[in-house]
Amino acid sequence: MKTKLMMILALALFTPALFAGATLTGQEAPNFSATKFINPPADGCTSFEQCKGEVILVKLWGVNCGPCLRSMPEVQALWNKYEGKGLHVFMCERQNHSQEEIQKIYTSKGLTFPQVIEGNMGGFPGVGRIPYAYVIGVDGKVQFEGSSGYAAVIEKEIEKINYLGLGKNDVAPGLEKAATAFSQKDYGKAREEALKEKEKNADNEALVADADYIIGKVDGLVEALFKQVEDAKAIRRYHDAVAILERLSGKEFKGLEAADKAKDDLKELKKDKQVKEELKAWDAFDKTVEANERTDNVDSKRANLEKFIKKYEDTAAAADAAKLLSGLEG
């Protein structure tokens, strides 16, 4: 009961007067952001500003809505095809169900696209019915809203993307190589090429502006990822911190000082005794969750969680397990 109450309070942060009925088609998309997900976006894009320049699907649905559940395979098919290729999905459950209830739907249907749990998504009111979807195009404007027919619009908008992740479809002549490198996630090369062209063409205002934009995108991404590392460490989610540092020290950021720093930080993190214990607990927690997903027996699920909590007491993973246990008892 407590877990459900907390979920309702969290959803209140981004649920407006339900289904206020304002049309958004043709307008600049509302400035939104999300802070907590089921299936967090792998690219780290969690807001309109971060996703702008690509295609965004915001979909309102409900756990107890039959048409909503029947439409999930269509969203999954789009996600399977375009994840990492220009599509960003923000699912918003609008019947105030708990995270556990939503997770059950996701698990039973094998859904892998992102579901917003907490955030500011109140700019998408719907029109009095669910499911209801909004498609934001590469120009940042709402290209479509309605209950069905959004797949074709998404396909059409995806075709307009020239440089994945950059947020700009056109750059000044001479910066195509830098923009292409960015779209291929070769951020070190993108920054190097942009800086080189900027120095060569210092009197070209348009090129300098776009070069600064590309450099800023690389630096902003690096800064955001290091912040995610610190945030993960603060709540002892060291498995997340390790994954991000491994990415930062990998080929995407090769040639940047950030890659060397990430490599050193990762080495130090893995040497820490407490971190080792937390990582071990998170691995065990994943196995416990997988075991619970294979059974419908509530007593078995409860026993698995209680056993885990007792063995890994005082770890962050045990705290998450306690929340799941509370959900079962509620």
Protein backbone atom coordinates (compact mmCIF):
# COMPACT_ATOMS: atom_id res chain seq x y z
CA MET A 1 0.00 0.00 0.00
CA LYS A 2 2.88 2.35 0.89
CA THR A 3 4.62 1.65 -2.43
CA LYS A 4 1.46 2.42 -4.37
CA LEU A 5 0.97 5.68 -2.47
CA MET A 6 4.55 6.73 -3.28
CA MET A 7 3.94 5.93 -6.94
CA ILE A 8 0.82 8.09 -7.01
CA LEU A 9 2.74 10.98 -5.48
CA ALA A 10 5.55 10.58 -8.01
CA LEU A 11 3.13 10.48 -10.93
CA ALA A 12 1.45 13.60 -9.66
CA LEU A 13 4.65 15.43 -10.59
CA PHE A 14 3.98 14.91 -14.27
CA THR A 15 0.25 14.19 -14.53
CA PRO A 16 -1.80 17.33 -15.26
CA ALA A 17 -5.54 17.59 -14.80
CA LEU A 18 -6.05 14.28 -16.54
CA PHE A 19 -6.74 14.57 -20.25
CA ALA A 20 -7.16 18.34 -20.40
CA GLY A 21 -7.81 18.16 -24.13
CA ALA A 22 -5.46 20.76 -25.68
CA THR A 23 -4.18 19.99 -29.17
CA LEU A 24 -0.44 20.31 -29.75
CA THR A 25 -0.17 19.38 -33.43
CA GLY A 26 1.96 21.86 -35.36
CA GLN A 27 3.32 23.47 -32.20
CA GLU A 28 6.79 23.33 -30.65
CA ALA A 29 6.83 20.35 -28.30
CA PRO A 30 6.51 21.01 -24.56
CA ASN A 31 9.81 21.05 -22.69
CA PHE A 32 9.75 17.75 -20.79
CA SER A 33 12.16 15.59 -18.83
CA ALA A 34 12.16 12.27 -17.00
CA THR A 35 14.23 11.29 -13.99
CA LYS A 36 13.34 7.65 -13.39
CA PHE A 37 12.49 4.82 -15.78
CA ILE A 38 11.72 1.20 -16.28
CA ASN A 39 14.21 0.37 -19.08
CA PRO A 40 16.23 3.64 -18.91
CA PRO A 41 17.33 4.92 -22.35
CA ALA A 42 20.75 3.47 -23.18
CA ASP A 43 21.76 6.71 -24.91
CA GLY A 44 21.08 8.74 -21.78
CA CYS A 45 18.59 11.03 -23.56
CA THR A 46 15.96 11.76 -20.93
CA SER A 47 14.59 15.18 -21.94
CA PHE A 48 13.28 17.12 -24.91
CA GLU A 49 16.48 19.16 -25.14
CA GLN A 50 18.62 16.02 -25.25
CA CYS A 51 16.45 14.28 -27.86
CA LYS A 52 15.65 17.31 -30.00
CA GLY A 53 16.57 16.87 -33.66
CA GLU A 54 15.44 13.24 -33.72
CA VAL A 55 12.05 11.55 -33.42
CA ILE A 56 10.21 11.31 -30.12
CA LEU A 57 7.19 9.17 -29.27
CA VAL A 58 5.31 10.11 -26.11
CA LYS A 59 2.53 7.64 -25.42
CA LEU A 60 -0.13 7.77 -22.71
CA TRP A 61 -1.51 4.42 -21.57
CA GLY A 62 -2.93 2.55 -18.59
CA VAL A 63 -2.43 -0.83 -16.93
CA ASN A 64 -6.20 -1.51 -16.99
CA CYS A 65 -6.72 -0.29 -20.56
CA GLY A 66 -7.29 -3.17 -23.00
CA PRO A 67 -6.59 -1.15 -26.20
CA CYS A 68 -3.42 0.18 -24.57
CA LEU A 69 -2.12 -3.33 -23.91
CA ARG A 70 -3.05 -4.46 -27.41
CA SER A 71 -1.04 -1.57 -28.89
CA MET A 72 2.17 -2.49 -27.03
CA PRO A 73 3.50 -4.87 -29.73
CA GLU A 74 3.38 -2.01 -32.25
CA VAL A 75 5.53 0.17 -29.99
CA GLN A 76 7.90 -2.75 -29.38
CA ALA A 77 8.26 -3.34 -33.13
CA LEU A 78 9.15 0.32 -33.66
CA TRP A 79 11.63 0.16 -30.79
CA ASN A 80 13.23 -3.03 -32.15
CA LYS A 81 13.70 -1.32 -35.51
CA TYR A 82 14.77 2.18 -34.48
CA GLU A 83 16.37 2.00 -31.02
CA GLY A 84 19.64 3.89 -31.35
CA LYS A 85 18.67 4.94 -34.87
CA GLY A 86 16.79 8.12 -34.16
CA LEU A 87 13.73 7.11 -32.10
CA HIS A 88 13.21 8.04 -28.44
CA VAL A 89 10.24 6.61 -26.52
CA PHE A 90 8.62 8.05 -23.38
CA MET A 91 5.74 5.87 -22.17
CA CYS A 92 3.54 7.49 -19.49
CA GLU A 93 1.12 5.38 -17.43
CA ARG A 94 -1.87 7.61 -16.69
CA GLN A 95 -3.97 5.47 -14.35
CA ASN A 96 -1.65 5.98 -11.35
CA HIS A 97 -0.60 2.36 -10.99
CA SER A 98 2.49 1.40 -9.00
CA GLN A 99 5.89 0.71 -10.51
CA GLU A 100 5.47 -2.94 -9.57
CA GLU A 101 2.17 -3.18 -11.46
CA ILE A 102 3.69 -1.51 -14.51
CA GLN A 103 6.77 -3.73 -14.30
CA LYS A 104 4.54 -6.79 -14.29
CA ILE A 105 3.07 -5.72 -17.64
CA TYR A 106 6.52 -5.06 -19.06
CA THR A 107 7.85 -8.39 -17.87
CA SER A 108 4.89 -10.46 -19.04
CA LYS A 109 4.95 -8.90 -22.51
CA GLY A 110 8.73 -8.73 -22.86
CA LEU A 111 8.70 -4.95 -23.38
CA THR A 112 12.09 -3.25 -23.59
CA PHE A 113 11.26 0.38 -24.45
CA PRO A 114 11.48 3.10 -21.77
CA GLN A 115 8.66 3.75 -19.31
CA VAL A 116 8.70 7.00 -17.35
CA ILE A 117 8.25 6.49 -13.61
CA GLU A 118 9.09 9.98 -12.38
CA GLY A 119 9.55 13.26 -14.21
CA ASN A 120 7.92 16.32 -15.71
CA MET A 121 5.71 15.08 -18.56
CA GLY A 122 2.67 17.21 -17.80
CA GLY A 123 2.76 19.05 -21.10
CA PHE A 124 1.06 16.10 -22.82
CA PRO A 125 -2.53 16.10 -21.54
CA GLY A 126 -4.28 13.82 -24.02
CA VAL A 127 -7.87 14.43 -25.10
CA GLY A 128 -9.96 12.24 -22.82
CA ARG A 129 -9.00 8.73 -23.90
CA ILE A 130 -6.09 6.32 -23.87
CA PRO A 131 -4.05 5.09 -25.58
CA TYR A 132 -3.02 8.44 -26.96
CA ALA A 133 0.27 9.25 -28.68
CA TYR A 134 2.30 12.28 -29.68
CA VAL A 135 5.05 12.18 -32.31
CA ILE A 136 7.62 14.97 -32.21
CA GLY A 137 9.51 15.40 -35.47
CA VAL A 138 13.10 16.36 -36.23
CA ASP A 139 12.12 20.05 -36.25
CA GLY A 140 11.01 19.84 -32.61
CA LYS A 141 7.33 20.26 -33.46
CA VAL A 142 4.46 17.87 -32.76
CA GLN A 143 3.81 16.19 -36.11
CA PHE A 144 1.04 13.85 -34.94
CA GLU A 145 -1.28 13.15 -32.06
CA GLY A 146 -3.92 10.48 -31.81
CA SER A 147 -4.66 6.91 -30.81
CA SER A 148 -3.37 5.15 -33.92
CA GLY A 149 -1.47 5.84 -37.12
CA TYR A 150 1.71 7.14 -35.49
CA ALA A 151 3.98 4.41 -36.89
CA ALA A 152 3.85 5.81 -40.44
CA VAL A 153 4.66 9.30 -39.17
CA ILE A 154 7.63 7.96 -37.21
CA GLU A 155 8.95 6.14 -40.29
CA LYS A 156 8.68 9.31 -42.36
CA GLU A 157 10.41 11.48 -39.76
CA ILE A 158 13.24 8.97 -39.22
CA GLU A 159 14.14 9.32 -42.91
CA LYS A 160 14.82 13.04 -42.38
CA ILE A 161 17.66 12.49 -39.90
CA ASN A 162 21.09 13.21 -41.37
CA TYR A 163 23.26 13.05 -38.24
CA LEU A 164 22.08 10.77 -35.45
CA GLY A 165 22.27 12.27 -31.99
CA LEU A 166 23.59 15.64 -33.12
CA GLY A 167 20.33 17.54 -32.89
CA LYS A 168 21.07 19.34 -36.16
CA ASN A 169 20.20 18.06 -39.61
CA ASP A 170 22.46 20.49 -41.45
CA VAL A 171 25.92 21.86 -40.69
CA ALA A 172 28.11 24.44 -42.40
CA PRO A 173 30.09 23.12 -45.40
CA GLY A 174 33.38 21.69 -44.19
CA LEU A 175 31.92 20.18 -41.01
CA GLU A 176 30.25 17.15 -42.61
CA LYS A 177 33.08 14.88 -41.48
CA ALA A 178 32.77 16.04 -37.87
CA ALA A 179 28.99 15.68 -37.92
CA THR A 180 29.21 12.21 -39.45
CA ALA A 181 31.75 11.12 -36.84
CA PHE A 182 29.39 12.30 -34.12
CA SER A 183 26.49 10.37 -35.63
CA GLN A 184 28.71 7.26 -35.67
CA LYS A 185 29.51 7.80 -31.96
CA ASP A 186 33.16 8.54 -32.65
CA TYR A 187 33.11 11.52 -30.34
CA GLY A 188 36.86 11.97 -30.12
CA LYS A 189 37.13 12.28 -33.89
CA ALA A 190 34.07 14.53 -34.06
CA ARG A 191 35.59 16.99 -31.61
CA GLU A 192 38.99 16.85 -33.29
CA GLU A 193 37.55 17.50 -36.76
CA ALA A 194 35.32 20.33 -35.53
CA LEU A 195 38.23 22.00 -33.73
CA LYS A 196 40.49 21.64 -36.78
CA GLU A 197 37.95 23.21 -39.13
CA LYS A 198 37.23 26.00 -36.65
CA GLU A 199 40.92 26.92 -36.48
CA LYS A 200 41.27 26.80 -40.28
CA ASN A 201 38.18 28.92 -40.89
CA ALA A 202 38.18 31.37 -38.01
CA ASP A 203 36.66 34.08 -40.21
CA ASN A 204 33.65 31.94 -41.22
CA GLU A 205 31.02 32.78 -38.62
CA ALA A 206 28.56 30.07 -39.68
CA LEU A 207 31.23 27.36 -39.61
CA VAL A 208 32.64 28.54 -36.28
CA ALA A 209 29.15 28.52 -34.77
CA ASP A 210 28.45 24.97 -35.95
CA ALA A 211 31.92 23.80 -34.92
CA ASP A 212 31.33 25.19 -31.43
CA TYR A 213 27.96 23.43 -31.43
CA ILE A 214 29.56 20.04 -32.20
CA ILE A 215 32.33 20.59 -29.66
CA GLY A 216 29.71 21.59 -27.11
CA LYS A 217 27.66 18.47 -27.82
CA VAL A 218 30.69 16.25 -27.19
CA ASP A 219 31.70 18.11 -24.03
CA GLY A 220 28.11 18.16 -22.81
CA LEU A 221 27.76 14.41 -23.31
CA VAL A 222 30.98 13.76 -21.41
CA GLU A 223 29.87 16.02 -18.56
CA ALA A 224 26.45 14.36 -18.39
CA LEU A 225 27.95 10.88 -18.27
CA PHE A 226 30.38 11.77 -15.48
CA LYS A 227 27.47 13.28 -13.56
CA GLN A 228 25.57 10.01 -14.00
CA VAL A 229 28.59 8.21 -12.56
CA GLU A 230 28.59 10.45 -9.49
CA ASP A 231 24.83 10.12 -9.06
CA ALA A 232 25.09 6.32 -9.29
CA LYS A 233 27.92 6.24 -6.76
CA ALA A 234 25.94 8.46 -4.38
CA ILE A 235 23.20 5.84 -4.13
CA ARG A 236 25.67 2.94 -4.31
CA ARG A 237 24.46 1.72 -7.70
CA TYR A 238 28.02 0.86 -8.59
CA HIS A 239 27.05 -1.48 -11.41
CA ASP A 240 25.63 1.55 -13.23
CA ALA A 241 28.74 3.60 -12.44
CA VAL A 242 31.01 0.86 -13.76
CA ALA A 243 29.00 0.50 -16.98
CA ILE A 244 29.17 4.24 -17.67
CA LEU A 245 32.89 4.45 -16.94
CA GLU A 246 33.51 1.48 -19.24
CA ARG A 247 31.67 3.36 -21.97
CA LEU A 248 33.61 6.57 -21.34
CA SER A 249 36.93 4.72 -21.48
CA GLY A 250 35.97 2.85 -24.66
CA LYS A 251 36.24 3.55 -28.38
CA GLU A 252 33.44 6.13 -28.47
CA PHE A 253 35.61 8.62 -26.57
CA LYS A 254 39.04 7.53 -27.79
CA GLY A 255 41.45 10.44 -28.05
CA LEU A 256 39.71 12.54 -25.39
CA GLU A 257 41.18 13.29 -21.95
CA ALA A 258 37.86 12.08 -20.57
CA ALA A 259 38.63 8.54 -21.74
CA ASP A 260 41.88 8.45 -19.75
CA LYS A 261 40.17 9.88 -16.69
CA ALA A 262 37.38 7.33 -16.93
CA LYS A 263 39.90 4.51 -17.19
CA ASP A 264 41.68 5.70 -14.03
CA ASP A 265 38.38 6.21 -12.18
CA LEU A 266 37.20 2.74 -13.15
CA LYS A 267 40.42 1.17 -11.90
CA GLU A 268 40.13 2.93 -8.54
CA LEU A 269 36.44 2.10 -8.20
CA LYS A 270 36.98 -1.61 -8.76
CA LYS A 271 39.71 -1.70 -6.12
CA ASP A 272 37.34 -0.49 -3.40
CA LYS A 273 36.25 -3.29 -1.06
CA GLN A 274 32.78 -1.85 -0.44
CA VAL A 275 32.23 -1.46 -4.17
CA LYS A 276 33.15 -5.10 -4.72
CA GLU A 277 30.56 -6.17 -2.14
CA GLU A 278 27.89 -3.94 -3.68
CA LEU A 279 28.63 -5.25 -7.18
CA LYS A 280 28.37 -8.80 -5.90
CA ALA A 281 25.01 -7.95 -4.30
CA TRP A 282 23.67 -6.37 -7.50
CA ASP A 283 24.62 -9.46 -9.51
CA ALA A 284 22.81 -11.64 -6.99
CA PHE A 285 19.83 -9.30 -7.00
CA ASP A 286 19.50 -9.61 -10.78
CA LYS A 287 19.37 -13.40 -10.40
CA THR A 288 16.75 -13.10 -7.67
CA VAL A 289 14.57 -10.87 -9.83
CA GLU A 290 14.95 -13.30 -12.76
CA ALA A 291 13.90 -16.19 -10.52
CA ASN A 292 10.83 -14.26 -9.37
CA GLU A 293 9.88 -13.49 -12.96
CA ARG A 294 9.75 -17.22 -13.69
CA THR A 295 7.10 -17.91 -11.05
CA ASP A 296 3.60 -16.66 -10.28
CA ASN A 297 3.76 -17.99 -6.73
CA VAL A 298 3.74 -14.96 -4.43
CA ASP A 299 5.02 -16.97 -1.46
CA SER A 300 8.03 -18.12 -3.49
CA LYS A 301 8.75 -14.57 -4.61
CA ARG A 302 8.52 -13.36 -1.03
CA ALA A 303 10.84 -16.11 0.20
CA ASN A 304 13.41 -15.35 -2.51
CA LEU A 305 13.48 -11.68 -1.62
CA GLU A 306 13.64 -12.31 2.13
CA LYS A 307 16.56 -14.70 1.64
CA PHE A 308 18.38 -12.14 -0.51
CA ILE A 309 17.79 -9.28 1.95
CA LYS A 310 19.11 -11.33 4.85
CA LYS A 311 22.26 -12.37 2.97
CA TYR A 312 23.07 -8.92 1.57
CA GLU A 313 21.86 -6.77 4.44
CA ASP A 314 22.90 -3.09 4.37
CA THR A 315 23.61 -3.04 0.62
CA ALA A 316 21.81 -0.79 -1.85
CA ALA A 317 20.56 -3.87 -3.67
CA ALA A 318 18.97 -5.11 -0.43
CA ALA A 319 17.16 -1.79 -0.12
CA ASP A 320 15.72 -2.23 -3.62
CA ALA A 321 14.75 -5.80 -2.75
CA ALA A 322 12.94 -4.50 0.35
CA LYS A 323 10.89 -2.18 -1.87
CA LEU A 324 9.88 -5.11 -4.08
CA LEU A 325 8.99 -7.12 -0.98
CA SER A 326 6.87 -4.26 0.32
CA GLY A 327 5.05 -4.19 -3.00
CA LEU A 328 4.22 -7.89 -2.70
CA GLU A 329 2.91 -7.42 0.83
CA GLY A 330 0.91 -4.32 -0.13
